Amino acid sequence: SSQRTVAATTYVAYSSADRQWCAVTV
């Protein structure tokens, strides 16, 4: 949200059992 402030983070995760990628913005 500014040069030094993280307003949120998008995480990308993987499950080898499901063979799927997942994303969530926290």
PDB file of all heavy atoms in Angstrom:
ATOM      1  N   SER A   1       0.828  -1.202   0.000  1.00  0.00           N
ATOM      2  CA  SER A   1       0.000   0.000   0.000  1.00  0.00           C
ATOM      3  C   SER A   1       0.865   1.257   0.000  1.00  0.00           C
ATOM      4  O   SER A   1       0.369   2.353  -0.181  1.00  0.00           O
ATOM      5  CB  SER A   1      -0.947   0.010   1.198  1.00  0.00           C
ATOM      6  OG  SER A   1      -0.210   0.017   2.400  1.00  0.00           O
ATOM      7  N   SER A   2       2.143   1.068   0.228  1.00  0.00           N
ATOM      8  CA  SER A   2       3.132   2.129   0.118  1.00  0.00           C
ATOM      9  C   SER A   2       4.472   1.454  -0.106  1.00  0.00           C
ATOM     10  O   SER A   2       4.551   0.231  -0.143  1.00  0.00           O
ATOM     11  CB  SER A   2       3.160   3.000   1.381  1.00  0.00           C
ATOM     12  OG  SER A   2       3.732   2.291   2.456  1.00  0.00           O
ATOM     13  N   GLN A   3       5.510   2.246  -0.226  1.00  0.00           N
ATOM     14  CA  GLN A   3       6.822   1.677  -0.505  1.00  0.00           C
ATOM     15  C   GLN A   3       7.289   0.725   0.600  1.00  0.00           C
ATOM     16  O   GLN A   3       8.022  -0.220   0.335  1.00  0.00           O
ATOM     17  CB  GLN A   3       7.837   2.803  -0.687  1.00  0.00           C
ATOM     18  CG  GLN A   3       9.118   2.375  -1.336  1.00  0.00           C
ATOM     19  CD  GLN A   3       9.977   3.565  -1.709  1.00  0.00           C
ATOM     20  OE1 GLN A   3       9.866   4.627  -1.113  1.00  0.00           O
ATOM     21  NE2 GLN A   3      10.828   3.374  -2.702  1.00  0.00           N
ATOM     22  N   ARG A   4       6.820   0.935   1.833  1.00  0.00           N
ATOM     23  CA  ARG A   4       7.287   0.127   2.957  1.00  0.00           C
ATOM     24  C   ARG A   4       6.189  -0.667   3.666  1.00  0.00           C
ATOM     25  O   ARG A   4       6.471  -1.372   4.608  1.00  0.00           O
ATOM     26  CB  ARG A   4       7.955   1.017   3.986  1.00  0.00           C
ATOM     27  CG  ARG A   4       9.210   1.652   3.478  1.00  0.00           C
ATOM     28  CD  ARG A   4       9.863   2.432   4.565  1.00  0.00           C
ATOM     29  NE  ARG A   4      11.066   3.064   4.050  1.00  0.00           N
ATOM     30  CZ  ARG A   4      11.827   3.853   4.735  1.00  0.00           C
ATOM     31  NH1 ARG A   4      11.522   4.137   5.983  1.00  0.00           N
ATOM     32  NH2 ARG A   4      12.909   4.397   4.206  1.00  0.00           N
ATOM     33  N   THR A   5       4.950  -0.542   3.235  1.00  0.00           N
ATOM     34  CA  THR A   5       3.850  -1.173   3.948  1.00  0.00           C
ATOM     35  C   THR A   5       3.199  -2.275   3.121  1.00  0.00           C
ATOM     36  O   THR A   5       2.708  -2.021   2.023  1.00  0.00           O
ATOM     37  CB  THR A   5       2.785  -0.126   4.335  1.00  0.00           C
ATOM     38  OG1 THR A   5       3.420   0.915   5.076  1.00  0.00           O
ATOM     39  CG2 THR A   5       1.677  -0.754   5.163  1.00  0.00           C
ATOM     40  N   VAL A   6       3.202  -3.481   3.670  1.00  0.00           N
ATOM     41  CA  VAL A   6       2.541  -4.614   3.031  1.00  0.00           C
ATOM     42  C   VAL A   6       1.099  -4.653   3.547  1.00  0.00           C
ATOM     43  O   VAL A   6       0.861  -4.876   4.736  1.00  0.00           O
ATOM     44  CB  VAL A   6       3.256  -5.943   3.349  1.00  0.00           C
ATOM     45  CG1 VAL A   6       2.512  -7.115   2.741  1.00  0.00           C
ATOM     46  CG2 VAL A   6       4.697  -5.899   2.867  1.00  0.00           C
ATOM     47  N   ALA A   7       0.136  -4.417   2.650  1.00  0.00           N
ATOM     48  CA  ALA A   7      -1.279  -4.415   3.035  1.00  0.00           C
ATOM     49  C   ALA A   7      -1.835  -5.832   3.084  1.00  0.00           C
ATOM     50  O   ALA A   7      -2.736  -6.131   3.866  1.00  0.00           O
ATOM     51  CB  ALA A   7      -2.085  -3.560   2.071  1.00  0.00           C
ATOM     52  N   ALA A   8      -1.312  -6.699   2.223  1.00  0.00           N
ATOM     53  CA  ALA A   8      -1.751  -8.102   2.152  1.00  0.00           C
ATOM     54  C   ALA A   8      -0.660  -8.899   1.459  1.00  0.00           C
ATOM     55  O   ALA A   8       0.271  -8.333   0.883  1.00  0.00           O
ATOM     56  CB  ALA A   8      -3.066  -8.213   1.387  1.00  0.00           C
ATOM     57  N   THR A   9      -0.800 -10.218   1.501  1.00  0.00           N
ATOM     58  CA  THR A   9       0.133 -11.103   0.817  1.00  0.00           C
ATOM     59  C   THR A   9      -0.665 -12.202   0.133  1.00  0.00           C
ATOM     60  O   THR A   9      -1.571 -12.777   0.733  1.00  0.00           O
ATOM     61  CB  THR A   9       1.126 -11.737   1.810  1.00  0.00           C
ATOM     62  OG1 THR A   9       1.818 -10.683   2.492  1.00  0.00           O
ATOM     63  CG2 THR A   9       2.134 -12.620   1.103  1.00  0.00           C
ATOM     64  N   THR A  10      -0.331 -12.469  -1.127  1.00  0.00           N
ATOM     65  CA  THR A  10      -0.953 -13.579  -1.843  1.00  0.00           C
ATOM     66  C   THR A  10      -0.018 -14.778  -1.731  1.00  0.00           C
ATOM     67  O   THR A  10       1.146 -14.699  -2.107  1.00  0.00           O
ATOM     68  CB  THR A  10      -1.213 -13.229  -3.311  1.00  0.00           C
ATOM     69  OG1 THR A  10      -2.091 -12.102  -3.350  1.00  0.00           O
ATOM     70  CG2 THR A  10      -1.845 -14.395  -4.056  1.00  0.00           C
ATOM     71  N   TYR A  11      -0.544 -15.867  -1.178  1.00  0.00           N
ATOM     72  CA  TYR A  11       0.215 -17.105  -1.008  1.00  0.00           C
ATOM     73  C   TYR A  11      -0.233 -18.118  -2.049  1.00  0.00           C
ATOM     74  O   TYR A  11      -1.427 -18.253  -2.315  1.00  0.00           O
ATOM     75  CB  TYR A  11      -0.011 -17.697   0.387  1.00  0.00           C
ATOM     76  CG  TYR A  11       0.555 -16.830   1.476  1.00  0.00           C
ATOM     77  CD1 TYR A  11      -0.236 -15.884   2.114  1.00  0.00           C
ATOM     78  CD2 TYR A  11       1.888 -16.943   1.860  1.00  0.00           C
ATOM     79  CE1 TYR A  11       0.284 -15.075   3.114  1.00  0.00           C
ATOM     80  CE2 TYR A  11       2.416 -16.134   2.853  1.00  0.00           C
ATOM     81  CZ  TYR A  11       1.603 -15.200   3.471  1.00  0.00           C
ATOM     82  OH  TYR A  11       2.125 -14.400   4.452  1.00  0.00           O
ATOM     83  N   VAL A  12       0.735 -18.835  -2.625  1.00  0.00           N
ATOM     84  CA  VAL A  12       0.446 -19.902  -3.572  1.00  0.00           C
ATOM     85  C   VAL A  12       0.992 -21.195  -2.973  1.00  0.00           C
ATOM     86  O   VAL A  12       2.173 -21.286  -2.637  1.00  0.00           O
ATOM     87  CB  VAL A  12       1.074 -19.636  -4.951  1.00  0.00           C
ATOM     88  CG1 VAL A  12       0.721 -20.749  -5.924  1.00  0.00           C
ATOM     89  CG2 VAL A  12       0.610 -18.287  -5.502  1.00  0.00           C
ATOM     90  N   ALA A  13       0.102 -22.174  -2.830  1.00  0.00           N
ATOM     91  CA  ALA A  13       0.454 -23.452  -2.213  1.00  0.00           C
ATOM     92  C   ALA A  13       0.108 -24.585  -3.173  1.00  0.00           C
ATOM     93  O   ALA A  13      -0.693 -24.420  -4.091  1.00  0.00           O
ATOM     94  CB  ALA A  13      -0.309 -23.614  -0.903  1.00  0.00           C
ATOM     95  N   TYR A  14       0.725 -25.738  -2.941  1.00  0.00           N
ATOM     96  CA  TYR A  14       0.506 -26.899  -3.812  1.00  0.00           C
ATOM     97  C   TYR A  14       0.271 -28.143  -2.973  1.00  0.00           C
ATOM     98  O   TYR A  14       0.901 -28.336  -1.927  1.00  0.00           O
ATOM     99  CB  TYR A  14       1.721 -27.125  -4.717  1.00  0.00           C
ATOM    100  CG  TYR A  14       1.547 -28.294  -5.648  1.00  0.00           C
ATOM    101  CD1 TYR A  14       0.678 -28.224  -6.727  1.00  0.00           C
ATOM    102  CD2 TYR A  14       2.230 -29.487  -5.426  1.00  0.00           C
ATOM    103  CE1 TYR A  14       0.497 -29.305  -7.575  1.00  0.00           C
ATOM    104  CE2 TYR A  14       2.055 -30.570  -6.274  1.00  0.00           C
ATOM    105  CZ  TYR A  14       1.186 -30.470  -7.339  1.00  0.00           C
ATOM    106  OH  TYR A  14       1.000 -31.549  -8.173  1.00  0.00           O
ATOM    107  N   SER A  15      -0.622 -29.011  -3.445  1.00  0.00           N
ATOM    108  CA  SER A  15      -0.849 -30.316  -2.828  1.00  0.00           C
ATOM    109  C   SER A  15      -0.475 -31.394  -3.832  1.00  0.00           C
ATOM    110  O   SER A  15      -1.113 -31.507  -4.892  1.00  0.00           O
ATOM    111  CB  SER A  15      -2.316 -30.482  -2.424  1.00  0.00           C
ATOM    112  OG  SER A  15      -2.582 -31.829  -2.098  1.00  0.00           O
ATOM    113  N   SER A  16       0.534 -32.182  -3.511  1.00  0.00           N
ATOM    114  CA  SER A  16       0.916 -33.267  -4.423  1.00  0.00           C
ATOM    115  C   SER A  16      -0.153 -34.361  -4.432  1.00  0.00           C
ATOM    116  O   SER A  16      -0.339 -35.034  -5.438  1.00  0.00           O
ATOM    117  CB  SER A  16       2.282 -33.839  -4.036  1.00  0.00           C
ATOM    118  OG  SER A  16       2.273 -34.270  -2.694  1.00  0.00           O
ATOM    119  N   ALA A  17      -0.875 -34.524  -3.335  1.00  0.00           N
ATOM    120  CA  ALA A  17      -1.938 -35.539  -3.290  1.00  0.00           C
ATOM    121  C   ALA A  17      -3.098 -35.163  -4.216  1.00  0.00           C
ATOM    122  O   ALA A  17      -3.643 -36.002  -4.922  1.00  0.00           O
ATOM    123  CB  ALA A  17      -2.438 -35.710  -1.864  1.00  0.00           C
ATOM    124  N   ASP A  18      -3.462 -33.872  -4.209  1.00  0.00           N
ATOM    125  CA  ASP A  18      -4.578 -33.396  -5.046  1.00  0.00           C
ATOM    126  C   ASP A  18      -4.127 -32.966  -6.434  1.00  0.00           C
ATOM    127  O   ASP A  18      -4.957 -32.746  -7.308  1.00  0.00           O
ATOM    128  CB  ASP A  18      -5.278 -32.224  -4.366  1.00  0.00           C
ATOM    129  CG  ASP A  18      -5.950 -32.603  -3.068  1.00  0.00           C
ATOM    130  OD1 ASP A  18      -6.224 -33.803  -2.867  1.00  0.00           O
ATOM    131  OD2 ASP A  18      -6.200 -31.703  -2.243  1.00  0.00           O
ATOM    132  N   ARG A  19      -2.805 -32.797  -6.610  1.00  0.00           N
ATOM    133  CA  ARG A  19      -2.236 -32.280  -7.865  1.00  0.00           C
ATOM    134  C   ARG A  19      -2.907 -30.967  -8.254  1.00  0.00           C
ATOM    135  O   ARG A  19      -3.298 -30.747  -9.390  1.00  0.00           O
ATOM    136  CB  ARG A  19      -2.322 -33.314  -8.981  1.00  0.00           C
ATOM    137  CG  ARG A  19      -1.477 -34.555  -8.708  1.00  0.00           C
ATOM    138  CD  ARG A  19      -1.450 -35.560  -9.832  1.00  0.00           C
ATOM    139  NE  ARG A  19      -1.149 -35.031 -11.153  1.00  0.00           N
ATOM    140  CZ  ARG A  19       0.075 -34.788 -11.646  1.00  0.00           C
ATOM    141  NH1 ARG A  19       1.126 -35.012 -10.901  1.00  0.00           N
ATOM    142  NH2 ARG A  19       0.226 -34.331 -12.866  1.00  0.00           N
ATOM    143  N   GLN A  20      -3.042 -30.086  -7.247  1.00  0.00           N
ATOM    144  CA  GLN A  20      -3.665 -28.786  -7.453  1.00  0.00           C
ATOM    145  C   GLN A  20      -2.850 -27.685  -6.801  1.00  0.00           C
ATOM    146  O   GLN A  20      -2.230 -27.884  -5.758  1.00  0.00           O
ATOM    147  CB  GLN A  20      -5.068 -28.738  -6.832  1.00  0.00           C
ATOM    148  CG  GLN A  20      -6.132 -29.432  -7.606  1.00  0.00           C
ATOM    149  CD  GLN A  20      -7.509 -29.092  -7.050  1.00  0.00           C
ATOM    150  OE1 GLN A  20      -7.687 -28.908  -5.856  1.00  0.00           O
ATOM    151  NE2 GLN A  20      -8.480 -29.015  -7.931  1.00  0.00           N
ATOM    152  N   TRP A  21      -2.897 -26.504  -7.444  1.00  0.00           N
ATOM    153  CA  TRP A  21      -2.362 -25.282  -6.875  1.00  0.00           C
ATOM    154  C   TRP A  21      -3.508 -24.567  -6.176  1.00  0.00           C
ATOM    155  O   TRP A  21      -4.666 -24.703  -6.565  1.00  0.00           O
ATOM    156  CB  TRP A  21      -1.780 -24.382  -7.962  1.00  0.00           C
ATOM    157  CG  TRP A  21      -0.509 -24.909  -8.541  1.00  0.00           C
ATOM    158  CD1 TRP A  21      -0.361 -25.578  -9.717  1.00  0.00           C
ATOM    159  CD2 TRP A  21       0.786 -24.834  -7.956  1.00  0.00           C
ATOM    160  NE1 TRP A  21       0.955 -25.926  -9.896  1.00  0.00           N
ATOM    161  CE2 TRP A  21       1.678 -25.476  -8.832  1.00  0.00           C
ATOM    162  CE3 TRP A  21       1.281 -24.285  -6.777  1.00  0.00           C
ATOM    163  CZ2 TRP A  21       3.041 -25.571  -8.566  1.00  0.00           C
ATOM    164  CZ3 TRP A  21       2.635 -24.384  -6.517  1.00  0.00           C
ATOM    165  CH2 TRP A  21       3.506 -25.021  -7.407  1.00  0.00           C
ATOM    166  N   CYS A  22      -3.187 -23.785  -5.179  1.00  0.00           N
ATOM    167  CA  CYS A  22      -4.166 -23.019  -4.424  1.00  0.00           C
ATOM    168  C   CYS A  22      -3.574 -21.638  -4.166  1.00  0.00           C
ATOM    169  O   CYS A  22      -2.366 -21.498  -3.982  1.00  0.00           O
ATOM    170  CB  CYS A  22      -4.458 -23.715  -3.097  1.00  0.00           C
ATOM    171  SG  CYS A  22      -5.488 -22.747  -1.980  1.00  0.00           S
ATOM    172  N   ALA A  23      -4.432 -20.621  -4.150  1.00  0.00           N
ATOM    173  CA  ALA A  23      -3.978 -19.274  -3.818  1.00  0.00           C
ATOM    174  C   ALA A  23      -4.966 -18.623  -2.861  1.00  0.00           C
ATOM    175  O   ALA A  23      -6.171 -18.866  -2.929  1.00  0.00           O
ATOM    176  CB  ALA A  23      -3.820 -18.427  -5.074  1.00  0.00           C
ATOM    177  N   VAL A  24      -4.429 -17.800  -1.980  1.00  0.00           N
ATOM    178  CA  VAL A  24      -5.231 -17.045  -1.022  1.00  0.00           C
ATOM    179  C   VAL A  24      -4.516 -15.717  -0.766  1.00  0.00           C
ATOM    180  O   VAL A  24      -3.289 -15.674  -0.697  1.00  0.00           O
ATOM    181  CB  VAL A  24      -5.440 -17.848   0.291  1.00  0.00           C
ATOM    182  CG1 VAL A  24      -4.140 -18.199   0.953  1.00  0.00           C
ATOM    183  CG2 VAL A  24      -6.365 -17.127   1.242  1.00  0.00           C
ATOM    184  N   THR A  25      -5.277 -14.626  -0.700  1.00  0.00           N
ATOM    185  CA  THR A  25      -4.720 -13.319  -0.356  1.00  0.00           C
ATOM    186  C   THR A  25      -5.104 -13.024   1.080  1.00  0.00           C
ATOM    187  O   THR A  25      -6.293 -12.975   1.410  1.00  0.00           O
ATOM    188  CB  THR A  25      -5.241 -12.215  -1.299  1.00  0.00           C
ATOM    189  OG1 THR A  25      -4.812 -12.506  -2.629  1.00  0.00           O
ATOM    190  CG2 THR A  25      -4.710 -10.849  -0.902  1.00  0.00           C
ATOM    191  N   VAL A  26      -4.091 -12.838   1.941  1.00  0.00           N
ATOM    192  CA  VAL A  26      -4.297 -12.647   3.376  1.00  0.00           C
ATOM    193  C   VAL A  26      -3.937 -11.211   3.743  1.00  0.00           C
ATOM    194  O   VAL A  26      -2.838 -10.741   3.450  1.00  0.00           O
ATOM    195  CB  VAL A  26      -3.438 -13.636   4.195  1.00  0.00           C
ATOM    196  CG1 VAL A  26      -3.657 -13.432   5.686  1.00  0.00           C
ATOM    197  CG2 VAL A  26      -3.742 -15.072   3.793  1.00  0.00           C
TER     198      VAL A  26
END
